[in-house]
Amino acid sequence: MSPTILREKGYRFYFLSNEEKRIHVHVTCESGEAKFWLEPMVSLAIYHRLNSKKLNEIQKIIERHRYEIIKAWQKHFGKH
């Protein structure tokens, strides 16, 4: 199960169930995908086929919605 948390500027932000416990979000778009950590701060974990411009844009979106994403994580996985 991978619930969509947010859609913005052609990006889909979602979680993968049964994955590691550290809070993170996956992002996909037509040109590639990435994974970002949300704690202790927003940072890139891994990416495929995305250039630095797109990665920066994605990171800014995540930073703007960080608390919303963390709340959705806690609701989906339960507080840790």
Protein backbone atom coordinates (compact mmCIF):
# COMPACT_ATOMS: atom_id res chain seq x y z
CA MET A 1 0.00 0.00 0.00
CA SER A 2 1.37 3.42 -0.90
CA PRO A 3 -0.98 6.25 0.07
CA THR A 4 -0.61 9.53 -1.79
CA ILE A 5 0.01 12.37 0.67
CA LEU A 6 0.30 15.30 -1.72
CA ARG A 7 0.27 16.17 -5.41
CA GLU A 8 1.92 19.38 -6.55
CA LYS A 9 3.53 20.59 -9.79
CA GLY A 10 3.30 17.15 -11.38
CA TYR A 11 4.90 15.39 -8.41
CA ARG A 12 3.25 12.66 -6.35
CA PHE A 13 4.38 12.42 -2.73
CA TYR A 14 3.64 9.11 -1.02
CA PHE A 15 4.66 6.54 1.59
CA LEU A 16 5.52 2.90 1.11
CA SER A 17 4.11 0.66 3.81
CA ASN A 18 6.32 -1.75 5.75
CA GLU A 19 9.47 0.22 5.16
CA GLU A 20 12.00 1.66 7.60
CA LYS A 21 10.87 3.61 10.66
CA ARG A 22 12.75 6.88 10.00
CA ILE A 23 10.27 9.44 8.64
CA HIS A 24 10.66 9.92 4.90
CA VAL A 25 8.61 10.49 1.77
CA HIS A 26 8.87 9.12 -1.75
CA VAL A 27 8.32 11.36 -4.76
CA THR A 28 7.66 10.42 -8.35
CA CYS A 29 7.08 12.34 -11.57
CA GLU A 30 7.26 11.60 -15.28
CA SER A 31 11.04 11.97 -15.37
CA GLY A 32 12.11 10.09 -12.24
CA GLU A 33 11.79 9.46 -8.54
CA ALA A 34 13.39 10.29 -5.21
CA LYS A 35 13.26 9.65 -1.50
CA PHE A 36 13.70 12.40 1.10
CA TRP A 37 14.29 12.13 4.84
CA LEU A 38 12.18 14.49 6.95
CA GLU A 39 14.08 14.17 10.21
CA PRO A 40 16.18 15.61 11.65
CA MET A 41 15.86 17.92 8.63
CA VAL A 42 14.66 17.57 5.04
CA SER A 43 17.44 15.91 3.06
CA LEU A 44 17.79 13.81 -0.06
CA ALA A 45 18.21 10.08 0.55
CA ILE A 46 18.28 8.69 -3.01
CA TYR A 47 17.13 9.62 -6.51
CA HIS A 48 16.88 8.26 -10.05
CA ARG A 49 16.81 10.28 -13.30
CA LEU A 50 16.11 13.69 -11.71
CA ASN A 51 18.32 16.73 -12.29
CA SER A 52 19.37 19.17 -9.58
CA LYS A 53 16.70 21.72 -10.60
CA LYS A 54 13.91 19.19 -10.05
CA LEU A 55 15.48 17.92 -6.82
CA ASN A 56 15.68 21.47 -5.46
CA GLU A 57 12.07 22.13 -6.45
CA ILE A 58 10.93 18.92 -4.75
CA GLN A 59 12.89 19.71 -1.59
CA LYS A 60 11.29 23.16 -1.37
CA ILE A 61 7.82 21.62 -1.72
CA ILE A 62 8.61 19.12 1.03
CA GLU A 63 9.96 21.87 3.29
CA ARG A 64 6.74 23.87 2.83
CA HIS A 65 4.60 20.83 3.65
CA ARG A 66 6.95 19.14 6.14
CA TYR A 67 4.62 19.23 9.15
CA GLU A 68 1.66 18.09 7.05
CA ILE A 69 3.70 15.13 5.75
CA ILE A 70 4.91 14.21 9.25
CA LYS A 71 1.31 14.31 10.54
CA ALA A 72 0.22 12.04 7.68
CA TRP A 73 3.11 9.66 8.49
CA GLN A 74 2.09 9.49 12.14
CA LYS A 75 -1.52 8.85 11.19
CA HIS A 76 -0.60 6.15 8.67
CA PHE A 77 2.09 4.34 10.69
CA GLY A 78 1.14 5.33 14.23
CA LYS A 79 3.23 7.63 16.41
CA HIS A 80 6.69 6.41 17.23
